[in-house]
Amino acid sequence: MSSRHPANREHTEKFLRALGERFKKPARIYLVGGTSLVWEGFREQSLDVDVSFEVDDADHGKFVQTIRELKDELIINVEEVSPADFIPLPSGARDRAVFIGRYGSLDIFHFDFYS
């Protein structure tokens, strides 16, 4: 098995661009943990691109499949993870997410740093 590209800013942005081009439905994507640190320049790279997302239930399967395809095509590790999996989120967490940009119909945010 070949090694994967590092999850640096360049490869993370390439993944988000490709995801926005391929998945045409609206969704909210949150960069989580080390991925946010990489995006903001506090770290050079991470082991993987950590994301959490909100997508319509009817589109969830297609969205996950698109991520799987891109992981293989771009040779990058992508993990779905949310702080909500580990801690109770404080009220207002969604509202405190920091907007990063828009890729196609995808709105990209940093997960609430306070959480």
PDB file of N, CA and C in Angstrom:
ATOM      1  N   MET A   1       0.844  -1.186   0.000  1.00  0.00           N
ATOM      2  CA  MET A   1       0.000   0.000   0.000  1.00  0.00           C
ATOM      3  C   MET A   1       0.886   1.246   0.000  1.00  0.00           C
ATOM      4  N   SER A   2       0.591   2.180  -0.861  1.00  0.00           N
ATOM      5  CA  SER A   2       1.409   3.382  -0.947  1.00  0.00           C
ATOM      6  C   SER A   2       1.065   4.344   0.183  1.00  0.00           C
ATOM      7  N   SER A   3       2.012   5.199   0.500  1.00  0.00           N
ATOM      8  CA  SER A   3       1.766   6.163   1.564  1.00  0.00           C
ATOM      9  C   SER A   3       0.878   7.292   1.049  1.00  0.00           C
ATOM     10  N   ARG A   4       0.213   7.931   1.965  1.00  0.00           N
ATOM     11  CA  ARG A   4      -0.701   9.020   1.638  1.00  0.00           C
ATOM     12  C   ARG A   4       0.024  10.357   1.707  1.00  0.00           C
ATOM     13  N   HIS A   5      -0.512  11.343   1.004  1.00  0.00           N
ATOM     14  CA  HIS A   5       0.022  12.697   1.081  1.00  0.00           C
ATOM     15  C   HIS A   5      -0.210  13.242   2.486  1.00  0.00           C
ATOM     16  N   PRO A   6       0.668  14.112   2.952  1.00  0.00           N
ATOM     17  CA  PRO A   6       0.438  14.732   4.258  1.00  0.00           C
ATOM     18  C   PRO A   6      -0.791  15.635   4.191  1.00  0.00           C
ATOM     19  N   ALA A   7      -1.471  15.755   5.294  1.00  0.00           N
ATOM     20  CA  ALA A   7      -2.647  16.626   5.353  1.00  0.00           C
ATOM     21  C   ALA A   7      -2.174  18.041   5.679  1.00  0.00           C
ATOM     22  N   ASN A   8      -1.532  18.670   4.693  1.00  0.00           N
ATOM     23  CA  ASN A   8      -1.094  20.050   4.867  1.00  0.00           C
ATOM     24  C   ASN A   8      -2.154  20.979   4.271  1.00  0.00           C
ATOM     25  N   ARG A   9      -1.899  22.261   4.319  1.00  0.00           N
ATOM     26  CA  ARG A   9      -2.887  23.232   3.831  1.00  0.00           C
ATOM     27  C   ARG A   9      -3.181  23.005   2.341  1.00  0.00           C
ATOM     28  N   GLU A  10      -2.141  22.783   1.559  1.00  0.00           N
ATOM     29  CA  GLU A  10      -2.310  22.591   0.117  1.00  0.00           C
ATOM     30  C   GLU A  10      -3.210  21.393  -0.188  1.00  0.00           C
ATOM     31  N   HIS A  11      -2.942  20.260   0.435  1.00  0.00           N
ATOM     32  CA  HIS A  11      -3.736  19.060   0.156  1.00  0.00           C
ATOM     33  C   HIS A  11      -5.139  19.160   0.747  1.00  0.00           C
ATOM     34  N   THR A  12      -5.273  19.846   1.867  1.00  0.00           N
ATOM     35  CA  THR A  12      -6.602  20.053   2.449  1.00  0.00           C
ATOM     36  C   THR A  12      -7.450  20.913   1.526  1.00  0.00           C
ATOM     37  N   GLU A  13      -6.865  21.984   1.016  1.00  0.00           N
ATOM     38  CA  GLU A  13      -7.614  22.854   0.110  1.00  0.00           C
ATOM     39  C   GLU A  13      -7.942  22.133  -1.199  1.00  0.00           C
ATOM     40  N   LYS A  14      -7.030  21.339  -1.690  1.00  0.00           N
ATOM     41  CA  LYS A  14      -7.285  20.553  -2.904  1.00  0.00           C
ATOM     42  C   LYS A  14      -8.470  19.609  -2.677  1.00  0.00           C
ATOM     43  N   PHE A  15      -8.520  18.970  -1.513  1.00  0.00           N
ATOM     44  CA  PHE A  15      -9.636  18.091  -1.171  1.00  0.00           C
ATOM     45  C   PHE A  15     -10.948  18.876  -1.127  1.00  0.00           C
ATOM     46  N   LEU A  16     -10.968  20.027  -0.458  1.00  0.00           N
ATOM     47  CA  LEU A  16     -12.196  20.816  -0.346  1.00  0.00           C
ATOM     48  C   LEU A  16     -12.667  21.306  -1.711  1.00  0.00           C
ATOM     49  N   ARG A  17     -11.737  21.742  -2.550  1.00  0.00           N
ATOM     50  CA  ARG A  17     -12.100  22.173  -3.911  1.00  0.00           C
ATOM     51  C   ARG A  17     -12.738  21.028  -4.691  1.00  0.00           C
ATOM     52  N   ALA A  18     -12.103  19.861  -4.640  1.00  0.00           N
ATOM     53  CA  ALA A  18     -12.619  18.700  -5.373  1.00  0.00           C
ATOM     54  C   ALA A  18     -13.978  18.269  -4.831  1.00  0.00           C
ATOM     55  N   LEU A  19     -14.139  18.310  -3.519  1.00  0.00           N
ATOM     56  CA  LEU A  19     -15.420  17.945  -2.912  1.00  0.00           C
ATOM     57  C   LEU A  19     -16.510  18.912  -3.361  1.00  0.00           C
ATOM     58  N   GLY A  20     -16.200  20.199  -3.380  1.00  0.00           N
ATOM     59  CA  GLY A  20     -17.167  21.198  -3.826  1.00  0.00           C
ATOM     60  C   GLY A  20     -17.523  21.065  -5.299  1.00  0.00           C
ATOM     61  N   GLU A  21     -16.573  20.633  -6.111  1.00  0.00           N
ATOM     62  CA  GLU A  21     -16.843  20.429  -7.537  1.00  0.00           C
ATOM     63  C   GLU A  21     -17.679  19.183  -7.779  1.00  0.00           C
ATOM     64  N   ARG A  22     -17.458  18.161  -6.999  1.00  0.00           N
ATOM     65  CA  ARG A  22     -18.102  16.876  -7.238  1.00  0.00           C
ATOM     66  C   ARG A  22     -19.469  16.751  -6.552  1.00  0.00           C
ATOM     67  N   PHE A  23     -19.594  17.271  -5.339  1.00  0.00           N
ATOM     68  CA  PHE A  23     -20.855  17.157  -4.599  1.00  0.00           C
ATOM     69  C   PHE A  23     -21.622  18.461  -4.776  1.00  0.00           C
ATOM     70  N   LYS A  24     -22.753  18.397  -5.457  1.00  0.00           N
ATOM     71  CA  LYS A  24     -23.463  19.606  -5.883  1.00  0.00           C
ATOM     72  C   LYS A  24     -24.530  20.091  -4.911  1.00  0.00           C
ATOM     73  N   LYS A  25     -24.819  19.332  -3.875  1.00  0.00           N
ATOM     74  CA  LYS A  25     -25.865  19.714  -2.921  1.00  0.00           C
ATOM     75  C   LYS A  25     -25.269  20.589  -1.819  1.00  0.00           C
ATOM     76  N   PRO A  26     -26.095  21.416  -1.168  1.00  0.00           N
ATOM     77  CA  PRO A  26     -25.568  22.243  -0.081  1.00  0.00           C
ATOM     78  C   PRO A  26     -25.191  21.403   1.139  1.00  0.00           C
ATOM     79  N   ALA A  27     -24.135  21.822   1.811  1.00  0.00           N
ATOM     80  CA  ALA A  27     -23.695  21.165   3.045  1.00  0.00           C
ATOM     81  C   ALA A  27     -22.806  22.133   3.809  1.00  0.00           C
ATOM     82  N   ARG A  28     -22.705  21.894   5.112  1.00  0.00           N
ATOM     83  CA  ARG A  28     -21.767  22.635   5.970  1.00  0.00           C
ATOM     84  C   ARG A  28     -20.671  21.668   6.371  1.00  0.00           C
ATOM     85  N   ILE A  29     -19.432  22.059   6.119  1.00  0.00           N
ATOM     86  CA  ILE A  29     -18.271  21.243   6.467  1.00  0.00           C
ATOM     87  C   ILE A  29     -17.504  22.000   7.544  1.00  0.00           C
ATOM     88  N   TYR A  30     -17.111  21.279   8.582  1.00  0.00           N
ATOM     89  CA  TYR A  30     -16.337  21.874   9.666  1.00  0.00           C
ATOM     90  C   TYR A  30     -14.958  21.230   9.710  1.00  0.00           C
ATOM     91  N   LEU A  31     -13.912  22.039   9.658  1.00  0.00           N
ATOM     92  CA  LEU A  31     -12.570  21.540   9.911  1.00  0.00           C
ATOM     93  C   LEU A  31     -12.425  21.426  11.418  1.00  0.00           C
ATOM     94  N   VAL A  32     -11.807  20.345  11.863  1.00  0.00           N
ATOM     95  CA  VAL A  32     -11.754  20.030  13.287  1.00  0.00           C
ATOM     96  C   VAL A  32     -10.304  19.855  13.731  1.00  0.00           C
ATOM     97  N   GLY A  33     -10.015  20.282  14.950  1.00  0.00           N
ATOM     98  CA  GLY A  33      -8.751  19.988  15.623  1.00  0.00           C
ATOM     99  C   GLY A  33      -7.517  20.392  14.846  1.00  0.00           C
ATOM    100  N   GLY A  34      -6.632  19.401  14.629  1.00  0.00           N
ATOM    101  CA  GLY A  34      -5.365  19.647  13.952  1.00  0.00           C
ATOM    102  C   GLY A  34      -5.529  20.213  12.560  1.00  0.00           C
ATOM    103  N   THR A  35      -6.619  19.876  11.901  1.00  0.00           N
ATOM    104  CA  THR A  35      -6.849  20.407  10.555  1.00  0.00           C
ATOM    105  C   THR A  35      -7.041  21.919  10.600  1.00  0.00           C
ATOM    106  N   SER A  36      -7.737  22.415  11.619  1.00  0.00           N
ATOM    107  CA  SER A  36      -7.870  23.867  11.779  1.00  0.00           C
ATOM    108  C   SER A  36      -6.520  24.509  12.073  1.00  0.00           C
ATOM    109  N   LEU A  37      -5.707  23.840  12.886  1.00  0.00           N
ATOM    110  CA  LEU A  37      -4.375  24.374  13.197  1.00  0.00           C
ATOM    111  C   LEU A  37      -3.510  24.454  11.943  1.00  0.00           C
ATOM    112  N   VAL A  38      -3.604  23.441  11.094  1.00  0.00           N
ATOM    113  CA  VAL A  38      -2.867  23.453   9.828  1.00  0.00           C
ATOM    114  C   VAL A  38      -3.385  24.584   8.941  1.00  0.00           C
ATOM    115  N   TRP A  39      -4.700  24.697   8.827  1.00  0.00           N
ATOM    116  CA  TRP A  39      -5.305  25.707   7.958  1.00  0.00           C
ATOM    117  C   TRP A  39      -4.851  27.112   8.353  1.00  0.00           C
ATOM    118  N   GLU A  40      -4.766  27.356   9.654  1.00  0.00           N
ATOM    119  CA  GLU A  40      -4.404  28.685  10.153  1.00  0.00           C
ATOM    120  C   GLU A  40      -2.895  28.905  10.249  1.00  0.00           C
ATOM    121  N   GLY A  41      -2.107  27.894   9.897  1.00  0.00           N
ATOM    122  CA  GLY A  41      -0.664  28.058   9.862  1.00  0.00           C
ATOM    123  C   GLY A  41       0.059  27.793  11.170  1.00  0.00           C
ATOM    124  N   PHE A  42      -0.629  27.228  12.162  1.00  0.00           N
ATOM    125  CA  PHE A  42       0.004  26.918  13.444  1.00  0.00           C
ATOM    126  C   PHE A  42       0.763  25.593  13.415  1.00  0.00           C
ATOM    127  N   ARG A  43       0.419  24.758  12.453  1.00  0.00           N
ATOM    128  CA  ARG A  43       1.125  23.486  12.231  1.00  0.00           C
ATOM    129  C   ARG A  43       1.348  23.337  10.739  1.00  0.00           C
ATOM    130  N   GLU A  44       2.400  22.609  10.392  1.00  0.00           N
ATOM    131  CA  GLU A  44       2.675  22.374   8.977  1.00  0.00           C
ATOM    132  C   GLU A  44       1.753  21.329   8.372  1.00  0.00           C
ATOM    133  N   GLN A  45       1.483  20.279   9.123  1.00  0.00           N
ATOM    134  CA  GLN A  45       0.644  19.199   8.605  1.00  0.00           C
ATOM    135  C   GLN A  45       0.047  18.407   9.758  1.00  0.00           C
ATOM    136  N   SER A  46      -0.901  17.573   9.393  1.00  0.00           N
ATOM    137  CA  SER A  46      -1.562  16.672  10.327  1.00  0.00           C
ATOM    138  C   SER A  46      -1.572  15.288   9.684  1.00  0.00           C
ATOM    139  N   LEU A  47      -1.947  14.284  10.446  1.00  0.00           N
ATOM    140  CA  LEU A  47      -2.006  12.932   9.888  1.00  0.00           C
ATOM    141  C   LEU A  47      -3.134  12.782   8.879  1.00  0.00           C
ATOM    142  N   ASP A  48      -4.223  13.512   9.116  1.00  0.00           N
ATOM    143  CA  ASP A  48      -5.365  13.408   8.219  1.00  0.00           C
ATOM    144  C   ASP A  48      -6.157  14.698   8.246  1.00  0.00           C
ATOM    145  N   VAL A  49      -7.090  14.804   7.321  1.00  0.00           N
ATOM    146  CA  VAL A  49      -8.019  15.923   7.288  1.00  0.00           C
ATOM    147  C   VAL A  49      -9.206  15.512   8.153  1.00  0.00           C
ATOM    148  N   ASP A  50      -9.365  16.189   9.284  1.00  0.00           N
ATOM    149  CA  ASP A  50     -10.469  15.890  10.201  1.00  0.00           C
ATOM    150  C   ASP A  50     -11.628  16.824   9.898  1.00  0.00           C
ATOM    151  N   VAL A  51     -12.784  16.237   9.587  1.00  0.00           N
ATOM    152  CA  VAL A  51     -13.960  17.030   9.256  1.00  0.00           C
ATOM    153  C   VAL A  51     -15.187  16.498   9.976  1.00  0.00           C
ATOM    154  N   SER A  52     -16.097  17.410  10.202  1.00  0.00           N
ATOM    155  CA  SER A  52     -17.442  17.093  10.638  1.00  0.00           C
ATOM    156  C   SER A  52     -18.341  17.768   9.609  1.00  0.00           C
ATOM    157  N   PHE A  53     -19.552  17.282   9.441  1.00  0.00           N
ATOM    158  CA  PHE A  53     -20.380  17.896   8.408  1.00  0.00           C
ATOM    159  C   PHE A  53     -21.854  17.792   8.732  1.00  0.00           C
ATOM    160  N   GLU A  54     -22.601  18.698   8.113  1.00  0.00           N
ATOM    161  CA  GLU A  54     -24.063  18.693   8.147  1.00  0.00           C
ATOM    162  C   GLU A  54     -24.526  18.631   6.704  1.00  0.00           C
ATOM    163  N   VAL A  55     -25.249  17.578   6.391  1.00  0.00           N
ATOM    164  CA  VAL A  55     -25.765  17.393   5.039  1.00  0.00           C
ATOM    165  C   VAL A  55     -27.165  16.801   5.171  1.00  0.00           C
ATOM    166  N   ASP A  56     -28.030  17.112   4.251  1.00  0.00           N
ATOM    167  CA  ASP A  56     -29.390  16.584   4.277  1.00  0.00           C
ATOM    168  C   ASP A  56     -29.357  15.062   4.342  1.00  0.00           C
ATOM    169  N   ASP A  57     -30.242  14.484   5.137  1.00  0.00           N
ATOM    170  CA  ASP A  57     -30.280  13.023   5.297  1.00  0.00           C
ATOM    171  C   ASP A  57     -30.380  12.296   3.955  1.00  0.00           C
ATOM    172  N   ALA A  58     -31.140  12.857   3.028  1.00  0.00           N
ATOM    173  CA  ALA A  58     -31.317  12.212   1.720  1.00  0.00           C
ATOM    174  C   ALA A  58     -30.017  12.178   0.914  1.00  0.00           C
ATOM    175  N   ASP A  59     -29.087  13.074   1.228  1.00  0.00           N
ATOM    176  CA  ASP A  59     -27.829  13.171   0.481  1.00  0.00           C
ATOM    177  C   ASP A  59     -26.641  12.581   1.232  1.00  0.00           C
ATOM    178  N   HIS A  60     -26.865  12.111   2.447  1.00  0.00           N
ATOM    179  CA  HIS A  60     -25.760  11.652   3.306  1.00  0.00           C
ATOM    180  C   HIS A  60     -24.935  10.543   2.658  1.00  0.00           C
ATOM    181  N   GLY A  61     -25.587   9.524   2.129  1.00  0.00           N
ATOM    182  CA  GLY A  61     -24.875   8.401   1.517  1.00  0.00           C
ATOM    183  C   GLY A  61     -24.002   8.839   0.353  1.00  0.00           C
ATOM    184  N   LYS A  62     -24.532   9.678  -0.509  1.00  0.00           N
ATOM    185  CA  LYS A  62     -23.777  10.187  -1.659  1.00  0.00           C
ATOM    186  C   LYS A  62     -22.596  11.041  -1.193  1.00  0.00           C
ATOM    187  N   PHE A  63     -22.814  11.823  -0.146  1.00  0.00           N
ATOM    188  CA  PHE A  63     -21.744  12.676   0.371  1.00  0.00           C
ATOM    189  C   PHE A  63     -20.590  11.832   0.909  1.00  0.00           C
ATOM    190  N   VAL A  64     -20.913  10.837   1.718  1.00  0.00           N
ATOM    191  CA  VAL A  64     -19.881   9.958   2.280  1.00  0.00           C
ATOM    192  C   VAL A  64     -19.157   9.212   1.162  1.00  0.00           C
ATOM    193  N   GLN A  65     -19.891   8.745   0.168  1.00  0.00           N
ATOM    194  CA  GLN A  65     -19.272   8.050  -0.963  1.00  0.00           C
ATOM    195  C   GLN A  65     -18.319   8.974  -1.722  1.00  0.00           C
ATOM    196  N   THR A  66     -18.712  10.213  -1.890  1.00  0.00           N
ATOM    197  CA  THR A  66     -17.850  11.183  -2.576  1.00  0.00           C
ATOM    198  C   THR A  66     -16.556  11.391  -1.801  1.00  0.00           C
ATOM    199  N   ILE A  67     -16.641  11.491  -0.487  1.00  0.00           N
ATOM    200  CA  ILE A  67     -15.432  11.632   0.337  1.00  0.00           C
ATOM    201  C   ILE A  67     -14.541  10.409   0.171  1.00  0.00           C
ATOM    202  N   ARG A  68     -15.121   9.222   0.206  1.00  0.00           N
ATOM    203  CA  ARG A  68     -14.329   7.990   0.039  1.00  0.00           C
ATOM    204  C   ARG A  68     -13.598   7.969  -1.300  1.00  0.00           C
ATOM    205  N   GLU A  69     -14.299   8.351  -2.348  1.00  0.00           N
ATOM    206  CA  GLU A  69     -13.681   8.372  -3.677  1.00  0.00           C
ATOM    207  C   GLU A  69     -12.521   9.363  -3.723  1.00  0.00           C
ATOM    208  N   LEU A  70     -12.727  10.536  -3.150  1.00  0.00           N
ATOM    209  CA  LEU A  70     -11.683  11.560  -3.179  1.00  0.00           C
ATOM    210  C   LEU A  70     -10.483  11.175  -2.326  1.00  0.00           C
ATOM    211  N   LYS A  71     -10.722  10.486  -1.219  1.00  0.00           N
ATOM    212  CA  LYS A  71      -9.604  10.010  -0.394  1.00  0.00           C
ATOM    213  C   LYS A  71      -8.658   9.160  -1.236  1.00  0.00           C
ATOM    214  N   ASP A  72      -9.239   8.274  -2.022  1.00  0.00           N
ATOM    215  CA  ASP A  72      -8.427   7.388  -2.859  1.00  0.00           C
ATOM    216  C   ASP A  72      -7.796   8.131  -4.036  1.00  0.00           C
ATOM    217  N   GLU A  73      -8.570   8.975  -4.691  1.00  0.00           N
ATOM    218  CA  GLU A  73      -8.056   9.703  -5.855  1.00  0.00           C
ATOM    219  C   GLU A  73      -6.941  10.673  -5.479  1.00  0.00           C
ATOM    220  N   LEU A  74      -7.101  11.355  -4.352  1.00  0.00           N
ATOM    221  CA  LEU A  74      -6.132  12.375  -3.939  1.00  0.00           C
ATOM    222  C   LEU A  74      -5.043  11.809  -3.025  1.00  0.00           C
ATOM    223  N   ILE A  75      -5.192  10.541  -2.669  1.00  0.00           N
ATOM    224  CA  ILE A  75      -4.225   9.838  -1.816  1.00  0.00           C
ATOM    225  C   ILE A  75      -4.003  10.622  -0.517  1.00  0.00           C
ATOM    226  N   ILE A  76      -5.105  10.873   0.190  1.00  0.00           N
ATOM    227  CA  ILE A  76      -5.060  11.626   1.439  1.00  0.00           C
ATOM    228  C   ILE A  76      -5.986  10.961   2.453  1.00  0.00           C
ATOM    229  N   ASN A  77      -5.624  11.025   3.712  1.00  0.00           N
ATOM    230  CA  ASN A  77      -6.485  10.496   4.769  1.00  0.00           C
ATOM    231  C   ASN A  77      -7.507  11.552   5.158  1.00  0.00           C
ATOM    232  N   VAL A  78      -8.769  11.156   5.212  1.00  0.00           N
ATOM    233  CA  VAL A  78      -9.847  12.033   5.656  1.00  0.00           C
ATOM    234  C   VAL A  78     -10.635  11.263   6.701  1.00  0.00           C
ATOM    235  N   GLU A  79     -10.861  11.889   7.853  1.00  0.00           N
ATOM    236  CA  GLU A  79     -11.593  11.245   8.940  1.00  0.00           C
ATOM    237  C   GLU A  79     -12.768  12.112   9.354  1.00  0.00           C
ATOM    238  N   GLU A  80     -13.923  11.476   9.530  1.00  0.00           N
ATOM    239  CA  GLU A  80     -15.064  12.186  10.092  1.00  0.00           C
ATOM    240  C   GLU A  80     -14.940  12.133  11.608  1.00  0.00           C
ATOM    241  N   VAL A  81     -14.882  13.291  12.222  1.00  0.00           N
ATOM    242  CA  VAL A  81     -14.753  13.375  13.670  1.00  0.00           C
ATOM    243  C   VAL A  81     -15.400  14.678  14.135  1.00  0.00           C
ATOM    244  N   SER A  82     -16.000  14.619  15.302  1.00  0.00           N
ATOM    245  CA  SER A  82     -16.617  15.810  15.865  1.00  0.00           C
ATOM    246  C   SER A  82     -16.329  15.866  17.354  1.00  0.00           C
ATOM    247  N   PRO A  83     -16.042  17.045  17.878  1.00  0.00           N
ATOM    248  CA  PRO A  83     -15.907  17.153  19.330  1.00  0.00           C
ATOM    249  C   PRO A  83     -17.146  16.637  20.064  1.00  0.00           C
ATOM    250  N   ALA A  84     -18.307  16.702  19.410  1.00  0.00           N
ATOM    251  CA  ALA A  84     -19.541  16.205  20.027  1.00  0.00           C
ATOM    252  C   ALA A  84     -19.478  14.703  20.291  1.00  0.00           C
ATOM    253  N   ASP A  85     -18.553  13.999  19.636  1.00  0.00           N
ATOM    254  CA  ASP A  85     -18.373  12.571  19.888  1.00  0.00           C
ATOM    255  C   ASP A  85     -17.685  12.322  21.225  1.00  0.00           C
ATOM    256  N   PHE A  86     -17.064  13.362  21.784  1.00  0.00           N
ATOM    257  CA  PHE A  86     -16.258  13.197  22.991  1.00  0.00           C
ATOM    258  C   PHE A  86     -16.726  14.030  24.177  1.00  0.00           C
ATOM    259  N   ILE A  87     -17.337  15.172  23.885  1.00  0.00           N
ATOM    260  CA  ILE A  87     -17.762  16.075  24.958  1.00  0.00           C
ATOM    261  C   ILE A  87     -19.146  16.627  24.640  1.00  0.00           C
ATOM    262  N   PRO A  88     -19.887  17.028  25.666  1.00  0.00           N
ATOM    263  CA  PRO A  88     -21.139  17.741  25.379  1.00  0.00           C
ATOM    264  C   PRO A  88     -20.794  19.138  24.846  1.00  0.00           C
ATOM    265  N   LEU A  89     -21.405  19.501  23.759  1.00  0.00           N
ATOM    266  CA  LEU A  89     -21.112  20.807  23.172  1.00  0.00           C
ATOM    267  C   LEU A  89     -21.831  21.909  23.943  1.00  0.00           C
ATOM    268  N   PRO A  90     -21.145  23.020  24.174  1.00  0.00           N
ATOM    269  CA  PRO A  90     -21.809  24.142  24.831  1.00  0.00           C
ATOM    270  C   PRO A  90     -22.847  24.754  23.894  1.00  0.00           C
ATOM    271  N   SER A  91     -23.858  25.373  24.463  1.00  0.00           N
ATOM    272  CA  SER A  91     -24.878  25.995  23.621  1.00  0.00           C
ATOM    273  C   SER A  91     -24.229  27.084  22.769  1.00  0.00           C
ATOM    274  N   GLY A  92     -24.721  27.221  21.566  1.00  0.00           N
ATOM    275  CA  GLY A  92     -24.213  28.226  20.645  1.00  0.00           C
ATOM    276  C   GLY A  92     -23.002  27.797  19.840  1.00  0.00           C
ATOM    277  N   ALA A  93     -22.605  26.534  19.958  1.00  0.00           N
ATOM    278  CA  ALA A  93     -21.398  26.068  19.257  1.00  0.00           C
ATOM    279  C   ALA A  93     -21.517  26.269  17.745  1.00  0.00           C
ATOM    280  N   ARG A  94     -22.664  25.965  17.189  1.00  0.00           N
ATOM    281  CA  ARG A  94     -22.843  26.100  15.732  1.00  0.00           C
ATOM    282  C   ARG A  94     -22.703  27.556  15.299  1.00  0.00           C
ATOM    283  N   ASP A  95     -23.236  28.465  16.120  1.00  0.00           N
ATOM    284  CA  ASP A  95     -23.182  29.890  15.791  1.00  0.00           C
ATOM    285  C   ASP A  95     -21.772  30.470  15.904  1.00  0.00           C
ATOM    286  N   ARG A  96     -20.919  29.837  16.691  1.00  0.00           N
ATOM    287  CA  ARG A  96     -19.551  30.333  16.865  1.00  0.00           C
ATOM    288  C   ARG A  96     -18.567  29.754  15.846  1.00  0.00           C
ATOM    289  N   ALA A  97     -19.033  28.866  14.996  1.00  0.00           N
ATOM    290  CA  ALA A  97     -18.154  28.321  13.952  1.00  0.00           C
ATOM    291  C   ALA A  97     -17.651  29.473  13.081  1.00  0.00           C
ATOM    292  N   VAL A  98     -16.374  29.436  12.753  1.00  0.00           N
ATOM    293  CA  VAL A  98     -15.744  30.515  11.987  1.00  0.00           C
ATOM    294  C   VAL A  98     -15.763  30.157  10.498  1.00  0.00           C
ATOM    295  N   PHE A  99     -16.399  31.012   9.711  1.00  0.00           N
ATOM    296  CA  PHE A  99     -16.516  30.774   8.271  1.00  0.00           C
ATOM    297  C   PHE A  99     -15.153  30.893   7.605  1.00  0.00           C
ATOM    298  N   ILE A 100     -14.828  29.908   6.769  1.00  0.00           N
ATOM    299  CA  ILE A 100     -13.565  29.893   6.030  1.00  0.00           C
ATOM    300  C   ILE A 100     -13.783  30.288   4.577  1.00  0.00           C
ATOM    301  N   GLY A 101     -14.782  29.675   3.953  1.00  0.00           N
ATOM    302  CA  GLY A 101     -15.021  29.964   2.546  1.00  0.00           C
ATOM    303  C   GLY A 101     -16.060  29.040   1.960  1.00  0.00           C
ATOM    304  N   ARG A 102     -16.303  29.244   0.692  1.00  0.00           N
ATOM    305  CA  ARG A 102     -17.303  28.451  -0.021  1.00  0.00           C
ATOM    306  C   ARG A 102     -16.630  27.746  -1.186  1.00  0.00           C
ATOM    307  N   TYR A 103     -16.908  26.452  -1.282  1.00  0.00           N
ATOM    308  CA  TYR A 103     -16.388  25.632  -2.377  1.00  0.00           C
ATOM    309  C   TYR A 103     -17.602  24.990  -3.038  1.00  0.00           C
ATOM    310  N   GLY A 104     -17.970  25.484  -4.216  1.00  0.00           N
ATOM    311  CA  GLY A 104     -19.195  25.004  -4.843  1.00  0.00           C
ATOM    312  C   GLY A 104     -20.375  25.374  -3.957  1.00  0.00           C
ATOM    313  N   SER A 105     -21.172  24.379  -3.591  1.00  0.00           N
ATOM    314  CA  SER A 105     -22.316  24.639  -2.709  1.00  0.00           C
ATOM    315  C   SER A 105     -21.999  24.284  -1.257  1.00  0.00           C
ATOM    316  N   LEU A 106     -20.722  24.084  -0.952  1.00  0.00           N
ATOM    317  CA  LEU A 106     -20.299  23.717   0.401  1.00  0.00           C
ATOM    318  C   LEU A 106     -19.791  24.942   1.153  1.00  0.00           C
ATOM    319  N   ASP A 107     -20.336  25.173   2.324  1.00  0.00           N
ATOM    320  CA  ASP A 107     -19.834  26.220   3.207  1.00  0.00           C
ATOM    321  C   ASP A 107     -18.872  25.573   4.191  1.00  0.00           C
ATOM    322  N   ILE A 108     -17.662  26.113   4.269  1.00  0.00           N
ATOM    323  CA  ILE A 108     -16.604  25.530   5.084  1.00  0.00           C
ATOM    324  C   ILE A 108     -16.360  26.423   6.298  1.00  0.00           C
ATOM    325  N   PHE A 109     -16.277  25.784   7.470  1.00  0.00           N
ATOM    326  CA  PHE A 109     -16.083  26.488   8.736  1.00  0.00           C
ATOM    327  C   PHE A 109     -15.013  25.786   9.564  1.00  0.00           C
ATOM    328  N   HIS A 110     -14.441  26.532  10.503  1.00  0.00           N
ATOM    329  CA  HIS A 110     -13.716  25.901  11.596  1.00  0.00           C
ATOM    330  C   HIS A 110     -14.775  25.529  12.623  1.00  0.00           C
ATOM    331  N   PHE A 111     -14.682  24.331  13.175  1.00  0.00           N
ATOM    332  CA  PHE A 111     -15.571  23.961  14.272  1.00  0.00           C
ATOM    333  C   PHE A 111     -15.335  24.949  15.405  1.00  0.00           C
ATOM    334  N   ASP A 112     -16.353  25.253  16.148  1.00  0.00           N
ATOM    335  CA  ASP A 112     -16.286  26.194  17.270  1.00  0.00           C
ATOM    336  C   ASP A 112     -15.038  25.958  18.119  1.00  0.00           C
ATOM    337  N   PHE A 113     -14.125  26.922  18.118  1.00  0.00           N
ATOM    338  CA  PHE A 113     -12.882  26.773  18.876  1.00  0.00           C
ATOM    339  C   PHE A 113     -13.139  26.682  20.379  1.00  0.00           C
ATOM    340  N   TYR A 114     -14.178  27.332  20.852  1.00  0.00           N
ATOM    341  CA  TYR A 114     -14.508  27.315  22.282  1.00  0.00           C
ATOM    342  C   TYR A 114     -14.840  25.904  22.759  1.00  0.00           C
ATOM    343  N   SER A 115     -15.446  25.127  21.882  1.00  0.00           N
ATOM    344  CA  SER A 115     -15.828  23.754  22.250  1.00  0.00           C
ATOM    345  C   SER A 115     -14.598  22.917  22.483  1.00  0.00           C
TER     346      SER A 115
END
